[in-house]
Amino acid sequence: MPVIKKSADLRNKYSEISAFCHKYMEPIFITKNGEGDLAVMSIETYEALSGKNELYKLLQEGIDDIKNGRTLTEAEIIKNMDTALGK
């Protein structure tokens, strides 16, 4: 279940919010005037999330390549590796 705090809590309870984000590796959602405004998370959580998004992007590119026939045979891969290594 998401943790939701008021924007005043970000100012008044920063240490508590920071400790929660680091301990549980989850974002806290901040509201302003009763409406969703921000998601606050630790840098570690942000980096992990960004890494996952990059991985998903690369996996999707690979899936798209396979679907569109952009593949190489084993022999072609070895030839390309040999060429890259100057063999």
Protein backbone atom coordinates (compact mmCIF):
# COMPACT_ATOMS: atom_id res chain seq x y z
CA MET A 1 0.00 0.00 0.00
CA PRO A 2 1.48 3.38 -0.92
CA VAL A 3 2.57 5.80 1.78
CA ILE A 4 1.03 9.24 1.31
CA LYS A 5 2.12 12.36 3.16
CA LYS A 6 1.17 16.03 3.01
CA SER A 7 3.64 18.50 1.53
CA ALA A 8 4.03 20.08 4.98
CA ASP A 9 5.37 16.71 6.22
CA LEU A 10 8.16 16.89 3.66
CA ARG A 11 9.29 20.13 5.27
CA ASN A 12 8.53 19.25 8.90
CA LYS A 13 9.38 15.53 8.94
CA TYR A 14 12.13 15.30 6.34
CA SER A 15 14.34 13.00 8.45
CA GLU A 16 11.47 10.59 9.05
CA ILE A 17 10.57 10.51 5.35
CA SER A 18 14.21 10.03 4.34
CA ALA A 19 14.67 7.19 6.84
CA PHE A 20 11.54 5.43 5.55
CA CYS A 21 12.63 5.72 1.91
CA HIS A 22 16.08 4.30 2.67
CA LYS A 23 14.81 1.53 4.95
CA TYR A 24 11.97 0.25 2.77
CA MET A 25 13.32 1.22 -0.69
CA GLU A 26 9.85 2.55 -1.58
CA PRO A 27 8.67 5.98 -2.66
CA ILE A 28 6.47 8.21 -0.54
CA PHE A 29 3.77 10.11 -2.38
CA ILE A 30 3.44 13.77 -1.43
CA THR A 31 0.17 15.66 -1.80
CA LYS A 32 -0.33 19.38 -2.20
CA ASN A 33 -3.77 20.80 -1.44
CA GLY A 34 -5.13 17.26 -1.29
CA GLU A 35 -3.91 16.31 -4.77
CA GLY A 36 -1.01 14.06 -5.74
CA ASP A 37 2.09 16.16 -6.46
CA LEU A 38 5.40 14.28 -6.00
CA ALA A 39 6.94 10.88 -5.47
CA VAL A 40 9.97 10.97 -3.16
CA MET A 41 12.44 8.08 -3.05
CA SER A 42 16.03 7.36 -2.13
CA ILE A 43 18.72 7.69 -4.78
CA GLU A 44 19.34 3.94 -4.53
CA THR A 45 15.70 3.21 -5.31
CA TYR A 46 15.73 5.68 -8.19
CA GLU A 47 18.89 4.11 -9.66
CA ALA A 48 17.44 0.60 -9.34
CA LEU A 49 14.23 1.72 -11.03
CA SER A 50 16.14 3.46 -13.82
CA GLY A 51 18.26 0.34 -14.33
CA LYS A 52 15.18 -1.85 -14.62
CA ASN A 53 13.65 0.53 -17.16
CA GLU A 54 16.85 0.43 -19.25
CA LEU A 55 16.90 -3.37 -19.09
CA TYR A 56 13.23 -3.58 -20.16
CA LYS A 57 13.99 -1.22 -23.06
CA LEU A 58 16.90 -3.37 -24.24
CA LEU A 59 14.87 -6.56 -23.89
CA GLN A 60 12.05 -5.02 -25.93
CA GLU A 61 14.54 -4.02 -28.64
CA GLY A 62 15.75 -7.62 -28.77
CA ILE A 63 12.21 -8.97 -28.99
CA ASP A 64 11.44 -6.48 -31.78
CA ASP A 65 14.60 -7.55 -33.64
CA ILE A 66 13.54 -11.20 -33.47
CA LYS A 67 9.98 -10.40 -34.59
CA ASN A 68 11.32 -8.39 -37.54
CA GLY A 69 13.87 -10.99 -38.61
CA ARG A 70 16.89 -8.90 -37.61
CA THR A 71 18.95 -11.86 -36.41
CA LEU A 72 22.32 -13.41 -37.22
CA THR A 73 23.40 -17.00 -37.49
CA GLU A 74 26.08 -18.36 -35.18
CA ALA A 75 28.57 -18.29 -38.06
CA GLU A 76 27.79 -14.62 -38.78
CA ILE A 77 28.26 -13.71 -35.11
CA ILE A 78 31.64 -15.47 -34.97
CA LYS A 79 32.74 -13.80 -38.23
CA ASN A 80 31.73 -10.37 -36.84
CA MET A 81 33.61 -11.06 -33.60
CA ASP A 82 36.71 -12.16 -35.51
CA THR A 83 36.55 -9.02 -37.65
CA ALA A 84 36.17 -6.80 -34.57
CA LEU A 85 39.16 -8.48 -32.93
CA GLY A 86 41.26 -8.12 -36.09
CA LYS A 87 41.55 -11.83 -36.81
